[in-house]
């Protein structure tokens, strides 16, 4: 059995924001700065066992969690909010995956 932790951190990432109604002469103003952050954490579990007569079994499980303040659902990839973007959280849980291998002795 093995357990693995995976983590990543991002700081000073680029973030593009569209500001509306800032000036009556402009419909919107695009601002790009490096104020975005991101964090990623994952736990990966693997169990592998040799069984009888050349049969092997493998089961694995993965749980991950991502947090950032720069994700966007717009097609252009920019925010349409005037204020600071909310923190976006994404949790992914992959159920237990199993597989088996059978090898014939030569």
PDB file of N, CA and C in Angstrom:
ATOM      1  N   UNK A   1       0.859  -1.175   0.000  1.00  0.00           N
ATOM      2  CA  UNK A   1       0.000   0.000   0.000  1.00  0.00           C
ATOM      3  C   UNK A   1       0.894   1.223   0.000  1.00  0.00           C
ATOM      4  N   UNK A   2       0.496   2.219  -0.743  1.00  0.00           N
ATOM      5  CA  UNK A   2       1.243   3.476  -0.756  1.00  0.00           C
ATOM      6  C   UNK A   2       0.267   4.648  -0.677  1.00  0.00           C
ATOM      7  N   UNK A   3       0.726   5.701  -0.047  1.00  0.00           N
ATOM      8  CA  UNK A   3      -0.040   6.942   0.064  1.00  0.00           C
ATOM      9  C   UNK A   3       0.856   8.078  -0.420  1.00  0.00           C
ATOM     10  N   UNK A   4       0.300   8.919  -1.268  1.00  0.00           N
ATOM     11  CA  UNK A   4       1.067  10.020  -1.841  1.00  0.00           C
ATOM     12  C   UNK A   4       0.299  11.323  -1.656  1.00  0.00           C
ATOM     13  N   UNK A   5       1.037  12.360  -1.255  1.00  0.00           N
ATOM     14  CA  UNK A   5       0.462  13.707  -1.170  1.00  0.00           C
ATOM     15  C   UNK A   5       1.039  14.536  -2.306  1.00  0.00           C
ATOM     16  N   UNK A   6       0.188  15.261  -3.003  1.00  0.00           N
ATOM     17  CA  UNK A   6       0.617  16.156  -4.071  1.00  0.00           C
ATOM     18  C   UNK A   6       0.095  17.537  -3.734  1.00  0.00           C
ATOM     19  N   UNK A   7       0.964  18.534  -3.795  1.00  0.00           N
ATOM     20  CA  UNK A   7       0.545  19.903  -3.510  1.00  0.00           C
ATOM     21  C   UNK A   7       1.215  20.886  -4.444  1.00  0.00           C
ATOM     22  N   UNK A   8       0.519  21.949  -4.756  1.00  0.00           N
ATOM     23  CA  UNK A   8       1.074  23.015  -5.587  1.00  0.00           C
ATOM     24  C   UNK A   8       0.518  24.340  -5.096  1.00  0.00           C
ATOM     25  N   UNK A   9       1.347  25.359  -5.193  1.00  0.00           N
ATOM     26  CA  UNK A   9       0.942  26.689  -4.754  1.00  0.00           C
ATOM     27  C   UNK A   9       1.298  27.686  -5.861  1.00  0.00           C
ATOM     28  N   UNK A  10       0.412  28.601  -6.128  1.00  0.00           N
ATOM     29  CA  UNK A  10       0.668  29.642  -7.119  1.00  0.00           C
ATOM     30  C   UNK A  10       0.418  31.013  -6.510  1.00  0.00           C
ATOM     31  N   UNK A  11       1.367  31.881  -6.658  1.00  0.00           N
ATOM     32  CA  UNK A  11       1.240  33.246  -6.132  1.00  0.00           C
ATOM     33  C   UNK A  11       1.627  34.245  -7.218  1.00  0.00           C
ATOM     34  N   UNK A  12       1.104  35.435  -7.136  1.00  0.00           N
ATOM     35  CA  UNK A  12       1.370  36.504  -8.101  1.00  0.00           C
ATOM     36  C   UNK A  12       1.017  36.079  -9.528  1.00  0.00           C
ATOM     37  N   UNK A  13      -0.112  35.374  -9.677  1.00  0.00           N
ATOM     38  CA  UNK A  13      -0.571  34.936 -10.988  1.00  0.00           C
ATOM     39  C   UNK A  13      -1.339  36.055 -11.677  1.00  0.00           C
ATOM     40  N   UNK A  14      -1.299  36.072 -13.002  1.00  0.00           N
ATOM     41  CA  UNK A  14      -2.010  37.116 -13.743  1.00  0.00           C
ATOM     42  C   UNK A  14      -3.516  36.931 -13.634  1.00  0.00           C
ATOM     43  N   UNK A  15      -4.196  38.054 -13.523  1.00  0.00           N
ATOM     44  CA  UNK A  15      -5.654  38.063 -13.470  1.00  0.00           C
ATOM     45  C   UNK A  15      -6.150  39.243 -14.292  1.00  0.00           C
ATOM     46  N   UNK A  16      -7.049  38.955 -15.216  1.00  0.00           N
ATOM     47  CA  UNK A  16      -7.644  40.003 -16.053  1.00  0.00           C
ATOM     48  C   UNK A  16      -9.058  40.289 -15.556  1.00  0.00           C
ATOM     49  N   UNK A  17      -9.374  41.576 -15.421  1.00  0.00           N
ATOM     50  CA  UNK A  17     -10.683  41.977 -14.921  1.00  0.00           C
ATOM     51  C   UNK A  17     -11.252  43.071 -15.818  1.00  0.00           C
ATOM     52  N   UNK A  18     -12.529  42.988 -16.138  1.00  0.00           N
ATOM     53  CA  UNK A  18     -13.227  44.053 -16.861  1.00  0.00           C
ATOM     54  C   UNK A  18     -14.004  44.881 -15.853  1.00  0.00           C
ATOM     55  N   UNK A  19     -13.758  46.167 -15.846  1.00  0.00           N
ATOM     56  CA  UNK A  19     -14.476  47.081 -14.959  1.00  0.00           C
ATOM     57  C   UNK A  19     -15.488  47.854 -15.805  1.00  0.00           C
ATOM     58  N   UNK A  20     -16.712  47.911 -15.326  1.00  0.00           N
ATOM     59  CA  UNK A  20     -17.776  48.592 -16.045  1.00  0.00           C
ATOM     60  C   UNK A  20     -18.191  49.869 -15.319  1.00  0.00           C
ATOM     61  N   UNK A  21     -18.646  50.866 -16.075  1.00  0.00           N
ATOM     62  CA  UNK A  21     -19.138  52.145 -15.545  1.00  0.00           C
ATOM     63  C   UNK A  21     -18.085  52.885 -14.720  1.00  0.00           C
ATOM     64  N   UNK A  22     -16.825  52.766 -15.125  1.00  0.00           N
ATOM     65  CA  UNK A  22     -15.747  53.477 -14.437  1.00  0.00           C
ATOM     66  C   UNK A  22     -15.690  54.923 -14.904  1.00  0.00           C
ATOM     67  N   UNK A  23     -15.907  55.113 -16.201  1.00  0.00           N
ATOM     68  CA  UNK A  23     -15.841  56.431 -16.804  1.00  0.00           C
ATOM     69  C   UNK A  23     -16.947  56.493 -17.855  1.00  0.00           C
ATOM     70  N   UNK A  24     -17.704  57.584 -17.902  1.00  0.00           N
ATOM     71  CA  UNK A  24     -18.798  57.663 -18.886  1.00  0.00           C
ATOM     72  C   UNK A  24     -18.315  57.603 -20.332  1.00  0.00           C
ATOM     73  N   UNK A  25     -17.040  57.893 -20.590  1.00  0.00           N
ATOM     74  CA  UNK A  25     -16.511  57.869 -21.949  1.00  0.00           C
ATOM     75  C   UNK A  25     -16.195  56.457 -22.436  1.00  0.00           C
ATOM     76  N   UNK A  26     -16.110  55.497 -21.521  1.00  0.00           N
ATOM     77  CA  UNK A  26     -15.743  54.125 -21.874  1.00  0.00           C
ATOM     78  C   UNK A  26     -16.800  53.158 -21.376  1.00  0.00           C
ATOM     79  N   UNK A  27     -17.138  52.190 -22.215  1.00  0.00           N
ATOM     80  CA  UNK A  27     -18.092  51.164 -21.814  1.00  0.00           C
ATOM     81  C   UNK A  27     -17.503  50.263 -20.732  1.00  0.00           C
ATOM     82  N   UNK A  28     -16.247  49.863 -20.926  1.00  0.00           N
ATOM     83  CA  UNK A  28     -15.563  49.050 -19.925  1.00  0.00           C
ATOM     84  C   UNK A  28     -14.067  49.301 -20.014  1.00  0.00           C
ATOM     85  N   UNK A  29     -13.366  48.987 -18.938  1.00  0.00           N
ATOM     86  CA  UNK A  29     -11.920  49.141 -18.873  1.00  0.00           C
ATOM     87  C   UNK A  29     -11.334  47.795 -18.454  1.00  0.00           C
ATOM     88  N   UNK A  30     -10.364  47.299 -19.220  1.00  0.00           N
ATOM     89  CA  UNK A  30      -9.704  46.046 -18.887  1.00  0.00           C
ATOM     90  C   UNK A  30      -8.462  46.294 -18.058  1.00  0.00           C
ATOM     91  N   UNK A  31      -8.363  45.581 -16.955  1.00  0.00           N
ATOM     92  CA  UNK A  31      -7.209  45.718 -16.058  1.00  0.00           C
ATOM     93  C   UNK A  31      -6.585  44.338 -15.873  1.00  0.00           C
ATOM     94  N   UNK A  32      -5.274  44.254 -16.015  1.00  0.00           N
ATOM     95  CA  UNK A  32      -4.544  43.012 -15.760  1.00  0.00           C
ATOM     96  C   UNK A  32      -3.522  43.282 -14.673  1.00  0.00           C
ATOM     97  N   UNK A  33      -3.558  42.461 -13.637  1.00  0.00           N
ATOM     98  CA  UNK A  33      -2.576  42.585 -12.565  1.00  0.00           C
ATOM     99  C   UNK A  33      -2.121  41.194 -12.131  1.00  0.00           C
ATOM    100  N   UNK A  34      -1.225  41.138 -11.180  1.00  0.00           N
ATOM    101  CA  UNK A  34      -0.720  39.848 -10.707  1.00  0.00           C
ATOM    102  C   UNK A  34      -1.156  39.590  -9.265  1.00  0.00           C
ATOM    103  N   UNK A  35      -2.461  39.674  -9.023  1.00  0.00           N
ATOM    104  CA  UNK A  35      -2.987  39.510  -7.671  1.00  0.00           C
ATOM    105  C   UNK A  35      -3.652  38.158  -7.433  1.00  0.00           C
ATOM    106  N   UNK A  36      -3.622  37.272  -8.413  1.00  0.00           N
ATOM    107  CA  UNK A  36      -4.308  35.982  -8.262  1.00  0.00           C
ATOM    108  C   UNK A  36      -3.444  34.969  -7.511  1.00  0.00           C
ATOM    109  N   UNK A  37      -4.121  34.052  -6.826  1.00  0.00           N
ATOM    110  CA  UNK A  37      -3.435  32.968  -6.112  1.00  0.00           C
ATOM    111  C   UNK A  37      -4.162  31.652  -6.385  1.00  0.00           C
ATOM    112  N   UNK A  38      -3.458  30.552  -6.183  1.00  0.00           N
ATOM    113  CA  UNK A  38      -4.081  29.239  -6.322  1.00  0.00           C
ATOM    114  C   UNK A  38      -3.388  28.247  -5.395  1.00  0.00           C
ATOM    115  N   UNK A  39      -4.148  27.254  -4.944  1.00  0.00           N
ATOM    116  CA  UNK A  39      -3.640  26.180  -4.096  1.00  0.00           C
ATOM    117  C   UNK A  39      -4.248  24.869  -4.566  1.00  0.00           C
ATOM    118  N   UNK A  40      -3.448  23.818  -4.565  1.00  0.00           N
ATOM    119  CA  UNK A  40      -3.919  22.495  -4.975  1.00  0.00           C
ATOM    120  C   UNK A  40      -3.373  21.460  -3.991  1.00  0.00           C
ATOM    121  N   UNK A  41      -4.235  20.577  -3.530  1.00  0.00           N
ATOM    122  CA  UNK A  41      -3.849  19.495  -2.625  1.00  0.00           C
ATOM    123  C   UNK A  41      -4.519  18.218  -3.103  1.00  0.00           C
ATOM    124  N   UNK A  42      -3.789  17.100  -3.049  1.00  0.00           N
ATOM    125  CA  UNK A  42      -4.363  15.819  -3.464  1.00  0.00           C
ATOM    126  C   UNK A  42      -3.786  14.697  -2.610  1.00  0.00           C
ATOM    127  N   UNK A  43      -4.610  13.701  -2.358  1.00  0.00           N
ATOM    128  CA  UNK A  43      -4.200  12.475  -1.678  1.00  0.00           C
ATOM    129  C   UNK A  43      -4.472  11.324  -2.627  1.00  0.00           C
ATOM    130  N   UNK A  44      -3.441  10.530  -2.881  1.00  0.00           N
ATOM    131  CA  UNK A  44      -3.573   9.387  -3.772  1.00  0.00           C
ATOM    132  C   UNK A  44      -3.201   8.126  -2.994  1.00  0.00           C
ATOM    133  N   UNK A  45      -4.099   7.149  -2.992  1.00  0.00           N
ATOM    134  CA  UNK A  45      -3.867   5.887  -2.290  1.00  0.00           C
ATOM    135  C   UNK A  45      -3.851   4.756  -3.315  1.00  0.00           C
ATOM    136  N   UNK A  46      -2.887   3.865  -3.176  1.00  0.00           N
ATOM    137  CA  UNK A  46      -2.761   2.728  -4.075  1.00  0.00           C
ATOM    138  C   UNK A  46      -2.508   1.467  -3.259  1.00  0.00           C
ATOM    139  N   UNK A  47      -3.223   0.409  -3.605  1.00  0.00           N
ATOM    140  CA  UNK A  47      -3.032  -0.890  -2.971  1.00  0.00           C
ATOM    141  C   UNK A  47      -2.839  -1.916  -4.075  1.00  0.00           C
ATOM    142  N   UNK A  48      -1.695  -2.611  -4.047  1.00  0.00           N
ATOM    143  CA  UNK A  48      -1.390  -3.613  -5.053  1.00  0.00           C
ATOM    144  C   UNK A  48      -0.995  -4.897  -4.344  1.00  0.00           C
ATOM    145  N   UNK A  49      -1.513  -6.000  -4.852  1.00  0.00           N
ATOM    146  CA  UNK A  49      -1.229  -7.270  -4.194  1.00  0.00           C
ATOM    147  C   UNK A  49      -1.137  -8.390  -5.229  1.00  0.00           C
ATOM    148  N   UNK A  50      -0.158  -9.240  -5.035  1.00  0.00           N
ATOM    149  CA  UNK A  50      -0.043 -10.449  -5.855  1.00  0.00           C
ATOM    150  C   UNK A  50      -0.885 -11.535  -5.222  1.00  0.00           C
ATOM    151  N   UNK A  51      -1.719 -12.124  -6.025  1.00  0.00           N
ATOM    152  CA  UNK A  51      -2.564 -13.202  -5.545  1.00  0.00           C
ATOM    153  C   UNK A  51      -1.979 -14.525  -6.052  1.00  0.00           C
ATOM    154  N   UNK A  52      -2.723 -15.552  -6.022  1.00  0.00           N
ATOM    155  CA  UNK A  52      -2.199 -16.858  -6.422  1.00  0.00           C
ATOM    156  C   UNK A  52      -2.241 -17.062  -7.933  1.00  0.00           C
ATOM    157  N   UNK A  53      -1.395 -17.917  -8.447  1.00  0.00           N
ATOM    158  CA  UNK A  53      -1.372 -18.368  -9.843  1.00  0.00           C
ATOM    159  C   UNK A  53      -1.239 -17.239 -10.861  1.00  0.00           C
ATOM    160  N   UNK A  54      -0.369 -16.294 -10.605  1.00  0.00           N
ATOM    161  CA  UNK A  54      -0.091 -15.233 -11.566  1.00  0.00           C
ATOM    162  C   UNK A  54      -1.119 -14.120 -11.621  1.00  0.00           C
ATOM    163  N   UNK A  55      -2.020 -14.072 -10.671  1.00  0.00           N
ATOM    164  CA  UNK A  55      -3.049 -13.034 -10.649  1.00  0.00           C
ATOM    165  C   UNK A  55      -2.598 -11.889  -9.743  1.00  0.00           C
ATOM    166  N   UNK A  56      -2.774 -10.659 -10.226  1.00  0.00           N
ATOM    167  CA  UNK A  56      -2.444  -9.472  -9.448  1.00  0.00           C
ATOM    168  C   UNK A  56      -3.679  -8.584  -9.352  1.00  0.00           C
ATOM    169  N   UNK A  57      -3.802  -7.895  -8.241  1.00  0.00           N
ATOM    170  CA  UNK A  57      -4.903  -6.959  -8.059  1.00  0.00           C
ATOM    171  C   UNK A  57      -4.373  -5.575  -7.748  1.00  0.00           C
ATOM    172  N   UNK A  58      -5.070  -4.553  -8.207  1.00  0.00           N
ATOM    173  CA  UNK A  58      -4.678  -3.172  -7.981  1.00  0.00           C
ATOM    174  C   UNK A  58      -5.926  -2.351  -7.705  1.00  0.00           C
ATOM    175  N   UNK A  59      -5.892  -1.572  -6.643  1.00  0.00           N
ATOM    176  CA  UNK A  59      -6.981  -0.638  -6.325  1.00  0.00           C
ATOM    177  C   UNK A  59      -6.366   0.719  -6.030  1.00  0.00           C
ATOM    178  N   UNK A  60      -6.954   1.772  -6.573  1.00  0.00           N
ATOM    179  CA  UNK A  60      -6.421   3.116  -6.321  1.00  0.00           C
ATOM    180  C   UNK A  60      -7.567   4.088  -6.079  1.00  0.00           C
ATOM    181  N   UNK A  61      -7.267   5.137  -5.306  1.00  0.00           N
ATOM    182  CA  UNK A  61      -8.252   6.142  -4.919  1.00  0.00           C
ATOM    183  C   UNK A  61      -7.557   7.501  -4.933  1.00  0.00           C
ATOM    184  N   UNK A  62      -8.251   8.522  -5.397  1.00  0.00           N
ATOM    185  CA  UNK A  62      -7.676   9.861  -5.448  1.00  0.00           C
ATOM    186  C   UNK A  62      -8.696  10.886  -4.950  1.00  0.00           C
ATOM    187  N   UNK A  63      -8.239  11.809  -4.120  1.00  0.00           N
ATOM    188  CA  UNK A  63      -9.073  12.907  -3.625  1.00  0.00           C
ATOM    189  C   UNK A  63      -8.270  14.188  -3.806  1.00  0.00           C
ATOM    190  N   UNK A  64      -8.838  15.186  -4.490  1.00  0.00           N
ATOM    191  CA  UNK A  64      -8.111  16.441  -4.701  1.00  0.00           C
ATOM    192  C   UNK A  64      -9.001  17.638  -4.402  1.00  0.00           C
ATOM    193  N   UNK A  65      -8.345  18.749  -4.085  1.00  0.00           N
ATOM    194  CA  UNK A  65      -9.039  19.978  -3.711  1.00  0.00           C
ATOM    195  C   UNK A  65      -8.251  21.151  -4.281  1.00  0.00           C
ATOM    196  N   UNK A  66      -8.922  22.018  -5.026  1.00  0.00           N
ATOM    197  CA  UNK A  66      -8.277  23.168  -5.642  1.00  0.00           C
ATOM    198  C   UNK A  66      -8.998  24.442  -5.213  1.00  0.00           C
ATOM    199  N   UNK A  67      -8.226  25.465  -4.877  1.00  0.00           N
ATOM    200  CA  UNK A  67      -8.783  26.760  -4.475  1.00  0.00           C
ATOM    201  C   UNK A  67      -8.057  27.846  -5.272  1.00  0.00           C
ATOM    202  N   UNK A  68      -8.809  28.766  -5.880  1.00  0.00           N
ATOM    203  CA  UNK A  68      -8.170  29.896  -6.545  1.00  0.00           C
ATOM    204  C   UNK A  68      -9.117  31.090  -6.573  1.00  0.00           C
ATOM    205  N   UNK A  69      -8.563  32.246  -6.932  1.00  0.00           N
ATOM    206  CA  UNK A  69      -9.392  33.458  -7.005  1.00  0.00           C
ATOM    207  C   UNK A  69      -9.394  34.043  -8.411  1.00  0.00           C
ATOM    208  N   UNK A  70      -8.928  33.269  -9.413  1.00  0.00           N
ATOM    209  CA  UNK A  70      -8.855  33.828 -10.766  1.00  0.00           C
ATOM    210  C   UNK A  70      -9.621  33.031 -11.797  1.00  0.00           C
ATOM    211  N   UNK A  71     -10.263  31.949 -11.435  1.00  0.00           N
ATOM    212  CA  UNK A  71     -11.016  31.174 -12.427  1.00  0.00           C
ATOM    213  C   UNK A  71     -12.194  31.983 -12.931  1.00  0.00           C
ATOM    214  N   UNK A  72     -12.548  31.707 -14.175  1.00  0.00           N
ATOM    215  CA  UNK A  72     -13.647  32.438 -14.783  1.00  0.00           C
ATOM    216  C   UNK A  72     -14.445  31.495 -15.652  1.00  0.00           C
ATOM    217  N   UNK A  73     -15.734  31.716 -15.733  1.00  0.00           N
ATOM    218  CA  UNK A  73     -16.598  30.908 -16.579  1.00  0.00           C
ATOM    219  C   UNK A  73     -16.902  31.605 -17.901  1.00  0.00           C
ATOM    220  N   UNK A  74     -16.296  32.743 -18.167  1.00  0.00           N
ATOM    221  CA  UNK A  74     -16.587  33.462 -19.404  1.00  0.00           C
ATOM    222  C   UNK A  74     -15.745  32.909 -20.534  1.00  0.00           C
ATOM    223  N   UNK A  75     -16.201  33.113 -21.758  1.00  0.00           N
ATOM    224  CA  UNK A  75     -15.501  32.569 -22.926  1.00  0.00           C
ATOM    225  C   UNK A  75     -14.134  33.208 -23.115  1.00  0.00           C
ATOM    226  N   UNK A  76     -13.997  34.484 -22.824  1.00  0.00           N
ATOM    227  CA  UNK A  76     -12.729  35.170 -23.032  1.00  0.00           C
ATOM    228  C   UNK A  76     -11.756  34.944 -21.886  1.00  0.00           C
ATOM    229  N   UNK A  77     -12.224  34.367 -20.790  1.00  0.00           N
ATOM    230  CA  UNK A  77     -11.339  34.104 -19.670  1.00  0.00           C
ATOM    231  C   UNK A  77     -11.115  35.292 -18.762  1.00  0.00           C
ATOM    232  N   UNK A  78     -11.956  36.323 -18.859  1.00  0.00           N
ATOM    233  CA  UNK A  78     -11.819  37.486 -17.994  1.00  0.00           C
ATOM    234  C   UNK A  78     -13.061  37.630 -17.130  1.00  0.00           C
ATOM    235  N   UNK A  79     -12.895  38.281 -16.043  1.00  0.00           N
ATOM    236  CA  UNK A  79     -13.997  38.472 -15.107  1.00  0.00           C
ATOM    237  C   UNK A  79     -14.849  39.660 -15.525  1.00  0.00           C
ATOM    238  N   UNK A  80     -16.120  39.588 -15.185  1.00  0.00           N
ATOM    239  CA  UNK A  80     -17.006  40.717 -15.445  1.00  0.00           C
ATOM    240  C   UNK A  80     -17.441  41.367 -14.132  1.00  0.00           C
ATOM    241  N   UNK A  81     -16.778  41.032 -13.052  1.00  0.00           N
ATOM    242  CA  UNK A  81     -17.122  41.589 -11.745  1.00  0.00           C
ATOM    243  C   UNK A  81     -16.388  42.903 -11.526  1.00  0.00           C
ATOM    244  N   UNK A  82     -17.018  43.799 -10.809  1.00  0.00           N
ATOM    245  CA  UNK A  82     -16.349  45.047 -10.465  1.00  0.00           C
ATOM    246  C   UNK A  82     -15.519  44.881  -9.204  1.00  0.00           C
ATOM    247  N   UNK A  83     -15.963  44.076  -8.305  1.00  0.00           N
ATOM    248  CA  UNK A  83     -15.240  43.875  -7.047  1.00  0.00           C
ATOM    249  C   UNK A  83     -14.308  42.676  -7.167  1.00  0.00           C
ATOM    250  N   UNK A  84     -13.607  42.398  -6.097  1.00  0.00           N
ATOM    251  CA  UNK A  84     -12.682  41.268  -6.050  1.00  0.00           C
ATOM    252  C   UNK A  84     -13.445  39.963  -6.284  1.00  0.00           C
ATOM    253  N   UNK A  85     -12.856  39.076  -7.079  1.00  0.00           N
ATOM    254  CA  UNK A  85     -13.508  37.809  -7.383  1.00  0.00           C
ATOM    255  C   UNK A  85     -13.631  36.946  -6.142  1.00  0.00           C
ATOM    256  N   UNK A  86     -14.699  36.205  -6.029  1.00  0.00           N
ATOM    257  CA  UNK A  86     -14.839  35.300  -4.889  1.00  0.00           C
ATOM    258  C   UNK A  86     -13.873  34.120  -5.023  1.00  0.00           C
ATOM    259  N   UNK A  87     -13.581  33.515  -3.913  1.00  0.00           N
ATOM    260  CA  UNK A  87     -12.734  32.334  -3.919  1.00  0.00           C
ATOM    261  C   UNK A  87     -13.522  31.183  -4.520  1.00  0.00           C
ATOM    262  N   UNK A  88     -12.928  30.488  -5.469  1.00  0.00           N
ATOM    263  CA  UNK A  88     -13.573  29.344  -6.118  1.00  0.00           C
ATOM    264  C   UNK A  88     -12.947  28.074  -5.569  1.00  0.00           C
ATOM    265  N   UNK A  89     -13.782  27.150  -5.161  1.00  0.00           N
ATOM    266  CA  UNK A  89     -13.305  25.885  -4.623  1.00  0.00           C
ATOM    267  C   UNK A  89     -13.793  24.756  -5.514  1.00  0.00           C
ATOM    268  N   UNK A  90     -12.921  23.818  -5.791  1.00  0.00           N
ATOM    269  CA  UNK A  90     -13.269  22.652  -6.581  1.00  0.00           C
ATOM    270  C   UNK A  90     -12.724  21.419  -5.873  1.00  0.00           C
ATOM    271  N   UNK A  91     -13.592  20.499  -5.540  1.00  0.00           N
ATOM    272  CA  UNK A  91     -13.189  19.258  -4.897  1.00  0.00           C
ATOM    273  C   UNK A  91     -13.528  18.115  -5.832  1.00  0.00           C
ATOM    274  N   UNK A  92     -12.545  17.278  -6.098  1.00  0.00           N
ATOM    275  CA  UNK A  92     -12.736  16.142  -6.986  1.00  0.00           C
ATOM    276  C   UNK A  92     -12.404  14.872  -6.220  1.00  0.00           C
ATOM    277  N   UNK A  93     -13.320  13.937  -6.237  1.00  0.00           N
ATOM    278  CA  UNK A  93     -13.106  12.657  -5.583  1.00  0.00           C
ATOM    279  C   UNK A  93     -13.299  11.566  -6.631  1.00  0.00           C
ATOM    280  N   UNK A  94     -12.235  10.824  -6.894  1.00  0.00           N
ATOM    281  CA  UNK A  94     -12.305   9.731  -7.855  1.00  0.00           C
ATOM    282  C   UNK A  94     -12.525   8.447  -7.072  1.00  0.00           C
ATOM    283  N   UNK A  95     -13.582   7.726  -7.370  1.00  0.00           N
ATOM    284  CA  UNK A  95     -13.865   6.508  -6.608  1.00  0.00           C
ATOM    285  C   UNK A  95     -12.768   5.466  -6.801  1.00  0.00           C
ATOM    286  N   UNK A  96     -12.847   4.447  -6.020  1.00  0.00           N
ATOM    287  CA  UNK A  96     -11.845   3.398  -6.073  1.00  0.00           C
ATOM    288  C   UNK A  96     -11.856   2.741  -7.449  1.00  0.00           C
ATOM    289  N   UNK A  97     -10.703   2.710  -8.069  1.00  0.00           N
ATOM    290  CA  UNK A  97     -10.540   2.072  -9.368  1.00  0.00           C
ATOM    291  C   UNK A  97      -9.835   0.745  -9.147  1.00  0.00           C
ATOM    292  N   UNK A  98     -10.326  -0.286  -9.736  1.00  0.00           N
ATOM    293  CA  UNK A  98      -9.706  -1.590  -9.549  1.00  0.00           C
ATOM    294  C   UNK A  98      -9.357  -2.195 -10.902  1.00  0.00           C
ATOM    295  N   UNK A  99      -8.345  -3.013 -10.886  1.00  0.00           N
ATOM    296  CA  UNK A  99      -7.960  -3.737 -12.093  1.00  0.00           C
ATOM    297  C   UNK A  99      -7.294  -5.041 -11.673  1.00  0.00           C
ATOM    298  N   UNK A 100      -7.268  -5.954 -12.573  1.00  0.00           N
ATOM    299  CA  UNK A 100      -6.621  -7.233 -12.315  1.00  0.00           C
ATOM    300  C   UNK A 100      -5.784  -7.649 -13.499  1.00  0.00           C
ATOM    301  N   UNK A 101      -4.692  -8.322 -13.245  1.00  0.00           N
ATOM    302  CA  UNK A 101      -3.809  -8.807 -14.298  1.00  0.00           C
ATOM    303  C   UNK A 101      -3.565 -10.282 -14.058  1.00  0.00           C
ATOM    304  N   UNK A 102      -3.659 -11.051 -15.116  1.00  0.00           N
ATOM    305  CA  UNK A 102      -3.358 -12.475 -15.014  1.00  0.00           C
ATOM    306  C   UNK A 102      -2.274 -12.803 -16.027  1.00  0.00           C
ATOM    307  N   UNK A 103      -1.175 -13.356 -15.566  1.00  0.00           N
ATOM    308  CA  UNK A 103      -0.098 -13.728 -16.472  1.00  0.00           C
ATOM    309  C   UNK A 103       0.139 -15.230 -16.386  1.00  0.00           C
ATOM    310  N   UNK A 104       0.292 -15.847 -17.531  1.00  0.00           N
ATOM    311  CA  UNK A 104       0.548 -17.280 -17.597  1.00  0.00           C
ATOM    312  C   UNK A 104       2.042 -17.540 -17.455  1.00  0.00           C
ATOM    313  N   UNK A 105       2.422 -18.499 -16.623  1.00  0.00           N
ATOM    314  CA  UNK A 105       3.838 -18.838 -16.543  1.00  0.00           C
ATOM    315  C   UNK A 105       4.328 -19.408 -17.883  1.00  0.00           C
ATOM    316  N   UNK A 106       5.560 -19.073 -18.204  1.00  0.00           N
ATOM    317  CA  UNK A 106       6.131 -19.527 -19.488  1.00  0.00           C
ATOM    318  C   UNK A 106       6.573 -20.970 -19.442  1.00  0.00           C
TER     319      UNK A 106
END
